[in-house]
N, C-alpha and C. Protein backbone atom coordinates (compact mmCIF):
# COMPACT_ATOMS: atom_id res chain seq x y z
N MET A 1 117.37 65.18 47.41
CA MET A 1 116.39 65.56 48.39
C MET A 1 116.04 67.04 48.30
N ASN A 2 114.79 67.29 48.24
CA ASN A 2 114.33 68.66 48.14
C ASN A 2 113.61 69.03 49.43
N ARG A 3 114.30 69.75 50.31
CA ARG A 3 113.69 70.15 51.58
C ARG A 3 113.31 71.61 51.52
N ARG A 4 112.14 71.89 52.04
CA ARG A 4 111.73 73.30 52.13
C ARG A 4 112.04 73.80 53.53
N LYS A 5 112.58 74.97 53.60
CA LYS A 5 112.87 75.58 54.89
C LYS A 5 111.59 76.15 55.48
N SER A 6 111.38 75.90 56.77
CA SER A 6 110.20 76.42 57.44
C SER A 6 110.46 77.86 57.84
N LEU A 7 109.57 78.76 57.46
CA LEU A 7 109.75 80.17 57.74
C LEU A 7 108.78 80.71 58.77
N GLY A 8 107.98 79.88 59.41
CA GLY A 8 107.00 80.38 60.37
C GLY A 8 106.60 79.32 61.35
N PHE A 9 105.56 79.63 62.10
CA PHE A 9 105.03 78.70 63.08
C PHE A 9 103.77 78.05 62.53
N THR A 10 103.55 76.83 62.94
CA THR A 10 102.31 76.16 62.54
C THR A 10 101.18 76.65 63.44
N LEU A 11 99.99 76.38 63.05
CA LEU A 11 98.83 76.77 63.84
C LEU A 11 98.86 76.09 65.21
N ALA A 12 99.27 74.85 65.26
CA ALA A 12 99.33 74.11 66.53
C ALA A 12 100.37 74.73 67.47
N GLU A 13 101.53 75.11 66.94
CA GLU A 13 102.57 75.74 67.76
C GLU A 13 102.09 77.08 68.32
N THR A 14 101.42 77.85 67.52
CA THR A 14 100.90 79.14 67.96
C THR A 14 99.85 78.96 69.06
N ALA A 15 98.96 77.99 68.91
CA ALA A 15 97.92 77.73 69.91
C ALA A 15 98.53 77.30 71.24
N VAL A 16 99.53 76.43 71.19
CA VAL A 16 100.19 75.99 72.43
C VAL A 16 100.89 77.17 73.10
N THR A 17 101.58 77.99 72.34
CA THR A 17 102.28 79.16 72.90
C THR A 17 101.30 80.12 73.56
N LEU A 18 100.20 80.41 72.91
CA LEU A 18 99.19 81.30 73.48
C LEU A 18 98.55 80.71 74.74
N SER A 19 98.34 79.40 74.76
CA SER A 19 97.77 78.74 75.94
C SER A 19 98.72 78.86 77.13
N VAL A 20 100.00 78.61 76.91
CA VAL A 20 101.00 78.72 77.99
C VAL A 20 101.08 80.16 78.48
N ALA A 21 101.06 81.12 77.56
CA ALA A 21 101.11 82.53 77.95
C ALA A 21 99.87 82.91 78.77
N GLY A 22 98.71 82.40 78.41
CA GLY A 22 97.48 82.67 79.15
C GLY A 22 97.53 82.11 80.56
N VAL A 23 98.03 80.90 80.71
CA VAL A 23 98.14 80.29 82.05
C VAL A 23 99.12 81.08 82.91
N LEU A 24 100.25 81.48 82.35
CA LEU A 24 101.23 82.26 83.10
C LEU A 24 100.67 83.63 83.52
N THR A 25 99.94 84.27 82.64
CA THR A 25 99.33 85.56 82.96
C THR A 25 98.29 85.42 84.06
N ALA A 26 97.44 84.41 83.97
CA ALA A 26 96.41 84.18 85.00
C ALA A 26 97.04 83.88 86.35
N THR A 27 98.18 83.22 86.36
CA THR A 27 98.88 82.91 87.61
C THR A 27 99.54 84.15 88.18
N ALA A 28 100.04 85.04 87.35
CA ALA A 28 100.80 86.20 87.81
C ALA A 28 99.90 87.37 88.25
N LEU A 29 98.68 87.48 87.74
CA LEU A 29 97.82 88.63 88.06
C LEU A 29 97.54 88.82 89.55
N PRO A 30 97.17 87.79 90.31
CA PRO A 30 96.96 88.01 91.75
C PRO A 30 98.23 88.50 92.46
N ASN A 31 99.37 87.96 92.08
CA ASN A 31 100.62 88.41 92.68
C ASN A 31 100.92 89.86 92.31
N LEU A 32 100.56 90.25 91.12
CA LEU A 32 100.79 91.61 90.66
C LEU A 32 99.95 92.61 91.44
N SER A 33 98.69 92.28 91.71
CA SER A 33 97.85 93.20 92.47
C SER A 33 98.32 93.31 93.92
N ALA A 34 98.79 92.21 94.51
CA ALA A 34 99.33 92.26 95.87
C ALA A 34 100.61 93.09 95.89
N LEU A 35 101.41 92.97 94.88
CA LEU A 35 102.64 93.76 94.77
C LEU A 35 102.32 95.24 94.63
N GLN A 36 101.30 95.55 93.84
CA GLN A 36 100.89 96.95 93.66
C GLN A 36 100.36 97.54 94.97
N ALA A 37 99.55 96.78 95.71
CA ALA A 37 99.03 97.25 96.99
C ALA A 37 100.16 97.46 97.99
N SER A 38 101.11 96.55 98.02
CA SER A 38 102.26 96.68 98.91
C SER A 38 103.08 97.91 98.56
N ARG A 39 103.24 98.17 97.28
CA ARG A 39 104.00 99.34 96.83
C ARG A 39 103.30 100.64 97.23
N GLN A 40 101.96 100.66 97.14
CA GLN A 40 101.20 101.85 97.54
C GLN A 40 101.39 102.14 99.03
N VAL A 41 101.35 101.10 99.85
CA VAL A 41 101.55 101.27 101.29
C VAL A 41 102.96 101.80 101.56
N GLN A 42 103.96 101.23 100.90
CA GLN A 42 105.35 101.69 101.08
C GLN A 42 105.52 103.14 100.64
N ASP A 43 104.91 103.49 99.52
CA ASP A 43 105.03 104.87 99.01
C ASP A 43 104.41 105.87 99.98
N GLU A 44 103.21 105.57 100.48
CA GLU A 44 102.55 106.51 101.38
C GLU A 44 103.26 106.58 102.73
N ALA A 45 103.83 105.47 103.19
CA ALA A 45 104.60 105.49 104.44
C ALA A 45 105.84 106.36 104.28
N ALA A 46 106.52 106.22 103.15
CA ALA A 46 107.71 107.04 102.90
C ALA A 46 107.34 108.52 102.76
N LEU A 47 106.22 108.79 102.12
CA LEU A 47 105.75 110.17 101.96
C LEU A 47 105.43 110.80 103.31
N LEU A 48 104.73 110.07 104.17
CA LEU A 48 104.39 110.59 105.49
C LEU A 48 105.65 110.78 106.35
N ALA A 49 106.54 109.80 106.35
CA ALA A 49 107.78 109.92 107.14
C ALA A 49 108.60 111.11 106.65
N GLY A 50 108.65 111.31 105.34
CA GLY A 50 109.37 112.46 104.78
C GLY A 50 108.75 113.78 105.20
N THR A 51 107.42 113.82 105.23
CA THR A 51 106.73 115.04 105.66
C THR A 51 107.00 115.33 107.13
N LEU A 52 107.01 114.31 107.96
CA LEU A 52 107.29 114.51 109.39
C LEU A 52 108.73 114.98 109.59
N ARG A 53 109.65 114.46 108.78
CA ARG A 53 111.04 114.95 108.85
C ARG A 53 111.13 116.41 108.41
N LEU A 54 110.37 116.76 107.37
CA LEU A 54 110.32 118.14 106.90
C LEU A 54 109.81 119.06 108.00
N ALA A 55 108.72 118.68 108.66
CA ALA A 55 108.14 119.50 109.73
C ALA A 55 109.15 119.70 110.85
N ARG A 56 109.85 118.65 111.23
CA ARG A 56 110.84 118.77 112.30
C ARG A 56 111.99 119.67 111.89
N SER A 57 112.47 119.50 110.66
CA SER A 57 113.59 120.34 110.20
C SER A 57 113.18 121.80 110.06
N GLU A 58 111.93 122.06 109.64
CA GLU A 58 111.43 123.44 109.56
C GLU A 58 111.33 124.06 110.94
N ALA A 59 110.90 123.27 111.93
CA ALA A 59 110.82 123.78 113.30
C ALA A 59 112.22 124.14 113.80
N LEU A 60 113.20 123.29 113.52
CA LEU A 60 114.59 123.57 113.91
C LEU A 60 115.13 124.81 113.19
N ARG A 61 114.88 124.87 111.88
CA ARG A 61 115.41 125.97 111.07
C ARG A 61 114.81 127.32 111.45
N ARG A 62 113.50 127.32 111.69
CA ARG A 62 112.79 128.57 111.99
C ARG A 62 112.77 128.91 113.48
N ASP A 63 113.09 127.91 114.32
CA ASP A 63 112.99 128.05 115.77
C ASP A 63 111.58 128.48 116.18
N GLU A 64 110.58 127.82 115.55
CA GLU A 64 109.18 128.08 115.83
C GLU A 64 108.44 126.75 115.90
N LEU A 65 107.24 126.78 116.43
CA LEU A 65 106.39 125.59 116.50
C LEU A 65 105.86 125.29 115.10
N VAL A 66 106.06 124.05 114.65
CA VAL A 66 105.54 123.62 113.35
C VAL A 66 104.62 122.43 113.61
N THR A 67 103.43 122.48 113.02
CA THR A 67 102.42 121.45 113.25
C THR A 67 102.11 120.71 111.96
N VAL A 68 101.89 119.42 112.10
CA VAL A 68 101.39 118.57 111.01
C VAL A 68 100.03 118.07 111.48
N CYS A 69 99.01 118.26 110.66
CA CYS A 69 97.67 117.84 111.07
C CYS A 69 96.97 117.08 109.95
N ALA A 70 96.01 116.25 110.34
CA ALA A 70 95.20 115.51 109.38
C ALA A 70 94.26 116.47 108.67
N LEU A 71 94.13 116.29 107.35
CA LEU A 71 93.20 117.13 106.59
C LEU A 71 91.77 116.70 106.86
N GLN A 72 90.90 117.66 106.89
CA GLN A 72 89.48 117.40 107.06
C GLN A 72 88.92 116.85 105.75
N THR A 73 88.19 115.78 105.82
CA THR A 73 87.61 115.15 104.64
C THR A 73 86.47 116.00 104.09
N GLY A 74 86.49 116.21 102.79
CA GLY A 74 85.39 116.90 102.13
C GLY A 74 85.38 118.41 102.26
N ALA A 75 86.41 119.02 102.83
CA ALA A 75 86.45 120.48 102.96
C ALA A 75 86.84 121.10 101.62
N SER A 76 86.27 122.26 101.29
CA SER A 76 86.60 122.92 100.02
C SER A 76 88.02 123.50 100.06
N GLU A 77 88.42 124.01 101.19
CA GLU A 77 89.79 124.51 101.41
C GLU A 77 90.51 123.54 102.33
N PRO A 78 91.84 123.37 102.15
CA PRO A 78 92.58 122.50 103.08
C PRO A 78 92.44 123.01 104.51
N THR A 79 91.87 122.19 105.37
CA THR A 79 91.62 122.55 106.76
C THR A 79 92.05 121.40 107.66
N CYS A 80 92.61 121.75 108.82
CA CYS A 80 92.99 120.74 109.80
C CYS A 80 91.77 120.12 110.44
N ASP A 81 91.89 118.86 110.73
CA ASP A 81 90.83 118.18 111.45
C ASP A 81 91.23 118.01 112.91
N ALA A 82 92.18 118.84 113.37
CA ALA A 82 92.74 118.72 114.71
C ALA A 82 91.77 119.17 115.80
N ASP A 83 90.71 119.87 115.42
CA ASP A 83 89.76 120.31 116.45
C ASP A 83 88.83 119.18 116.87
N SER A 84 88.91 118.03 116.19
CA SER A 84 88.14 116.86 116.59
C SER A 84 89.05 115.96 117.42
N PRO A 85 88.93 115.96 118.76
CA PRO A 85 89.89 115.26 119.61
C PRO A 85 90.02 113.77 119.32
N GLY A 86 88.95 113.09 118.98
CA GLY A 86 89.03 111.65 118.73
C GLY A 86 89.40 111.31 117.31
N ARG A 87 89.60 112.28 116.48
CA ARG A 87 89.85 112.08 115.05
C ARG A 87 91.25 111.57 114.82
N THR A 88 91.37 110.39 114.25
CA THR A 88 92.70 109.85 113.96
C THR A 88 92.84 109.36 112.53
N ASP A 89 91.87 109.68 111.67
CA ASP A 89 91.93 109.27 110.27
C ASP A 89 92.75 110.28 109.48
N TRP A 90 93.87 109.82 108.93
CA TRP A 90 94.75 110.68 108.14
C TRP A 90 94.66 110.31 106.65
N SER A 91 93.70 109.51 106.26
CA SER A 91 93.60 109.01 104.88
C SER A 91 93.36 110.10 103.85
N ALA A 92 92.80 111.24 104.25
CA ALA A 92 92.57 112.34 103.30
C ALA A 92 93.86 113.08 102.98
N GLY A 93 94.84 113.00 103.89
CA GLY A 93 96.11 113.70 103.70
C GLY A 93 96.46 114.51 104.93
N TRP A 94 97.40 115.45 104.76
CA TRP A 94 97.87 116.24 105.90
C TRP A 94 98.37 117.60 105.45
N MET A 95 98.56 118.47 106.43
CA MET A 95 99.06 119.82 106.17
C MET A 95 100.17 120.11 107.18
N VAL A 96 101.21 120.83 106.72
CA VAL A 96 102.31 121.28 107.57
C VAL A 96 102.28 122.80 107.58
N PHE A 97 102.34 123.38 108.77
CA PHE A 97 102.33 124.84 108.85
C PHE A 97 103.07 125.33 110.09
N VAL A 98 103.58 126.56 110.03
CA VAL A 98 104.18 127.21 111.18
C VAL A 98 103.02 127.67 112.05
N ASP A 99 102.95 127.12 113.25
CA ASP A 99 101.80 127.31 114.13
C ASP A 99 102.05 128.48 115.08
N ARG A 100 101.96 129.69 114.57
CA ARG A 100 102.22 130.89 115.39
C ARG A 100 101.12 131.11 116.43
N GLY A 101 99.91 130.62 116.14
CA GLY A 101 98.82 130.72 117.11
C GLY A 101 98.92 129.66 118.20
N ARG A 102 99.79 128.65 117.97
CA ARG A 102 100.07 127.58 118.93
C ARG A 102 98.81 126.81 119.36
N ARG A 103 97.86 126.64 118.40
CA ARG A 103 96.62 125.93 118.72
C ARG A 103 96.49 124.61 117.97
N GLY A 104 97.37 124.35 117.03
CA GLY A 104 97.23 123.14 116.22
C GLY A 104 96.26 123.30 115.08
N LEU A 105 95.79 124.52 114.87
CA LEU A 105 94.87 124.84 113.77
C LEU A 105 95.48 125.94 112.93
N LEU A 106 95.21 125.94 111.65
CA LEU A 106 95.72 126.98 110.76
C LEU A 106 94.97 128.28 111.03
N ASP A 107 95.66 129.24 111.63
CA ASP A 107 95.07 130.54 111.96
C ASP A 107 95.51 131.58 110.94
N GLU A 108 95.02 132.80 111.12
CA GLU A 108 95.32 133.92 110.22
C GLU A 108 96.82 134.17 110.04
N GLY A 109 97.60 134.20 111.10
CA GLY A 109 99.01 134.54 110.99
C GLY A 109 99.93 133.36 110.74
N ASP A 110 99.39 132.16 110.60
CA ASP A 110 100.21 130.97 110.40
C ASP A 110 100.68 130.87 108.94
N LEU A 111 101.85 130.27 108.76
CA LEU A 111 102.44 130.11 107.44
C LEU A 111 102.31 128.66 106.99
N ARG A 112 101.58 128.44 105.91
CA ARG A 112 101.40 127.09 105.37
C ARG A 112 102.68 126.69 104.62
N ILE A 113 103.21 125.52 104.94
CA ILE A 113 104.43 125.02 104.30
C ILE A 113 104.11 123.98 103.24
N GLN A 114 103.22 123.05 103.57
CA GLN A 114 102.90 121.97 102.63
C GLN A 114 101.50 121.45 102.87
N VAL A 115 100.82 121.11 101.79
CA VAL A 115 99.53 120.41 101.87
C VAL A 115 99.67 119.17 101.00
N GLN A 116 99.37 118.02 101.58
CA GLN A 116 99.48 116.76 100.84
C GLN A 116 98.13 116.05 100.89
N ALA A 117 97.38 116.14 99.81
CA ALA A 117 96.12 115.41 99.70
C ALA A 117 96.42 114.02 99.15
N LEU A 118 95.71 113.02 99.62
CA LEU A 118 95.92 111.64 99.16
C LEU A 118 94.72 111.16 98.36
N PRO A 119 94.95 110.29 97.38
CA PRO A 119 93.83 109.73 96.62
C PRO A 119 92.91 108.92 97.54
N ALA A 120 91.63 109.01 97.29
CA ALA A 120 90.64 108.31 98.12
C ALA A 120 90.73 106.80 97.92
N ASN A 121 90.47 106.07 98.99
CA ASN A 121 90.33 104.61 98.98
C ASN A 121 91.57 103.85 98.52
N ARG A 122 92.75 104.40 98.70
CA ARG A 122 93.96 103.66 98.34
C ARG A 122 94.51 102.91 99.54
N VAL A 123 94.88 103.66 100.56
CA VAL A 123 95.49 103.08 101.75
C VAL A 123 94.76 103.64 102.97
N ALA A 124 94.41 102.78 103.91
CA ALA A 124 93.83 103.24 105.17
C ALA A 124 94.97 103.72 106.05
N LEU A 125 94.90 104.98 106.46
CA LEU A 125 95.96 105.60 107.26
C LEU A 125 95.35 106.19 108.52
N THR A 126 95.71 105.62 109.65
CA THR A 126 95.23 106.14 110.94
C THR A 126 96.42 106.50 111.80
N GLY A 127 96.24 107.52 112.62
CA GLY A 127 97.29 107.97 113.51
C GLY A 127 96.83 107.95 114.95
N SER A 128 97.78 107.99 115.85
CA SER A 128 97.42 107.98 117.27
C SER A 128 96.92 109.35 117.73
N TRP A 129 97.19 110.41 116.97
CA TRP A 129 96.76 111.76 117.30
C TRP A 129 96.29 112.47 116.03
N PRO A 130 95.41 113.47 116.15
CA PRO A 130 94.97 114.21 114.97
C PRO A 130 96.00 115.23 114.49
N LYS A 131 97.02 115.52 115.32
CA LYS A 131 98.07 116.46 114.92
C LYS A 131 99.34 116.17 115.69
N LEU A 132 100.46 116.60 115.13
CA LEU A 132 101.77 116.53 115.80
C LEU A 132 102.40 117.90 115.68
N SER A 133 103.01 118.36 116.76
CA SER A 133 103.70 119.65 116.72
C SER A 133 105.14 119.45 117.15
N PHE A 134 106.03 120.17 116.48
CA PHE A 134 107.45 120.11 116.78
C PHE A 134 107.89 121.50 117.25
N HIS A 135 108.57 121.54 118.40
CA HIS A 135 109.10 122.79 118.93
C HIS A 135 110.35 123.19 118.15
N GLY A 136 110.83 124.40 118.38
CA GLY A 136 112.03 124.90 117.72
C GLY A 136 113.28 124.09 118.01
N THR A 137 113.23 123.24 119.04
CA THR A 137 114.35 122.35 119.36
C THR A 137 114.27 121.04 118.59
N GLY A 138 113.17 120.83 117.87
CA GLY A 138 112.97 119.59 117.12
C GLY A 138 112.22 118.53 117.90
N VAL A 139 112.00 118.78 119.16
CA VAL A 139 111.29 117.82 120.02
C VAL A 139 109.80 117.93 119.77
N GLN A 140 109.16 116.78 119.75
CA GLN A 140 107.72 116.74 119.54
C GLN A 140 107.01 117.11 120.83
N SER A 141 105.99 117.94 120.72
CA SER A 141 105.20 118.26 121.91
C SER A 141 104.17 117.16 122.08
N GLY A 142 104.12 116.56 123.20
CA GLY A 142 103.19 115.46 123.43
C GLY A 142 103.92 114.14 123.48
N PHE A 143 103.15 113.07 123.36
CA PHE A 143 103.70 111.72 123.45
C PHE A 143 104.19 111.25 122.10
N SER A 144 104.87 110.10 122.09
CA SER A 144 105.27 109.52 120.82
C SER A 144 104.01 109.18 120.02
N ALA A 145 104.17 109.10 118.72
CA ALA A 145 103.02 108.88 117.84
C ALA A 145 103.30 107.72 116.90
N ARG A 146 102.24 107.14 116.40
CA ARG A 146 102.37 106.07 115.41
C ARG A 146 101.24 106.20 114.39
N PHE A 147 101.56 105.82 113.18
CA PHE A 147 100.61 105.86 112.07
C PHE A 147 100.57 104.47 111.45
N ASN A 148 99.37 103.90 111.34
CA ASN A 148 99.20 102.58 110.74
C ASN A 148 98.74 102.73 109.30
N LEU A 149 99.42 102.05 108.40
CA LEU A 149 99.06 102.08 106.98
C LEU A 149 98.71 100.66 106.55
N VAL A 150 97.49 100.49 106.03
CA VAL A 150 97.01 99.17 105.65
C VAL A 150 96.27 99.27 104.32
N ALA A 151 96.51 98.30 103.46
CA ALA A 151 95.75 98.18 102.20
C ALA A 151 95.44 96.70 102.01
N PRO A 152 94.28 96.37 101.44
CA PRO A 152 93.93 94.96 101.21
C PRO A 152 95.00 94.27 100.37
N GLY A 153 95.46 93.13 100.84
CA GLY A 153 96.45 92.36 100.11
C GLY A 153 97.89 92.77 100.36
N ALA A 154 98.12 93.75 101.23
CA ALA A 154 99.48 94.21 101.50
C ALA A 154 99.81 94.05 102.97
N ASP A 155 101.08 93.87 103.26
CA ASP A 155 101.53 93.82 104.66
C ASP A 155 101.41 95.22 105.24
N PRO A 156 100.96 95.33 106.50
CA PRO A 156 100.84 96.66 107.11
C PRO A 156 102.21 97.26 107.43
N LEU A 157 102.26 98.57 107.41
CA LEU A 157 103.46 99.30 107.81
C LEU A 157 103.07 100.30 108.90
N VAL A 158 104.06 100.71 109.67
CA VAL A 158 103.85 101.69 110.73
C VAL A 158 104.90 102.77 110.60
N VAL A 159 104.47 104.03 110.72
CA VAL A 159 105.41 105.15 110.82
C VAL A 159 105.43 105.54 112.29
N CYS A 160 106.60 105.45 112.90
CA CYS A 160 106.77 105.73 114.32
C CYS A 160 107.48 107.06 114.49
N VAL A 161 106.99 107.86 115.44
CA VAL A 161 107.62 109.14 115.76
C VAL A 161 107.89 109.14 117.26
N ALA A 162 109.15 109.14 117.62
CA ALA A 162 109.53 109.14 119.04
C ALA A 162 109.41 110.56 119.60
N LYS A 163 109.43 110.68 120.90
CA LYS A 163 109.33 111.98 121.57
C LYS A 163 110.38 112.96 121.07
N PRO A 164 111.64 112.52 120.81
CA PRO A 164 112.62 113.47 120.26
C PRO A 164 112.28 113.97 118.86
N GLY A 165 111.27 113.36 118.20
CA GLY A 165 110.79 113.88 116.93
C GLY A 165 111.25 113.15 115.69
N ARG A 166 112.02 112.11 115.83
CA ARG A 166 112.50 111.39 114.64
C ARG A 166 111.46 110.39 114.15
N ALA A 167 111.23 110.40 112.84
CA ALA A 167 110.24 109.51 112.23
C ALA A 167 110.96 108.36 111.53
N ARG A 168 110.39 107.16 111.63
CA ARG A 168 110.94 105.99 110.93
C ARG A 168 109.80 105.08 110.52
N VAL A 169 110.05 104.28 109.49
CA VAL A 169 109.06 103.33 108.98
C VAL A 169 109.43 101.95 109.48
N ALA A 170 108.44 101.21 110.01
CA ALA A 170 108.67 99.86 110.53
C ALA A 170 107.67 98.90 109.89
N ARG A 171 108.08 97.65 109.74
CA ARG A 171 107.19 96.61 109.20
C ARG A 171 106.27 96.10 110.30
N GLY A 172 105.11 95.61 109.92
CA GLY A 172 104.17 95.06 110.89
C GLY A 172 103.33 96.14 111.53
N VAL A 173 103.01 95.92 112.79
CA VAL A 173 102.14 96.86 113.49
C VAL A 173 102.76 97.39 114.78
N VAL A 174 104.02 97.09 115.01
CA VAL A 174 104.67 97.49 116.25
C VAL A 174 105.82 98.45 115.94
N CYS A 175 105.91 99.52 116.73
CA CYS A 175 107.02 100.47 116.57
C CYS A 175 108.28 99.93 117.22
């Protein structure tokens, strides 16, 4: 008996393998985009919560008022949008600064600590207030705050800040 050893795949085997791979890829793509959207929401929630913790710790360390405010959309220089009382859109990003003028706006003598601009149209981020300020004791001036983070195809997340100033991330829409 003279048998030849097969060293490759037949055309039919290759076609079936490619067909199965195509079906699996088509099935996985919608799940992949939902996973990516969910990851973006989680990343931005963690980034915001970390920034709020930074602001509180800087207020404690410096024993001064430290403010976090929503960035104004479309400004050439990073500017707070805190002068707009009804403004709660934080999607452009935020700024942390030592608020020596105690107005919630970046003034001449204020010290900028951090500016965080966010990519456009990734995650919708709204807050209950246009700014948050932390006293030198770490306590937030004003009421508790919440930030809603939503992206198409992802579960919403909430960043909650209690009156004592501690920030945490929660699932859903309730703190």
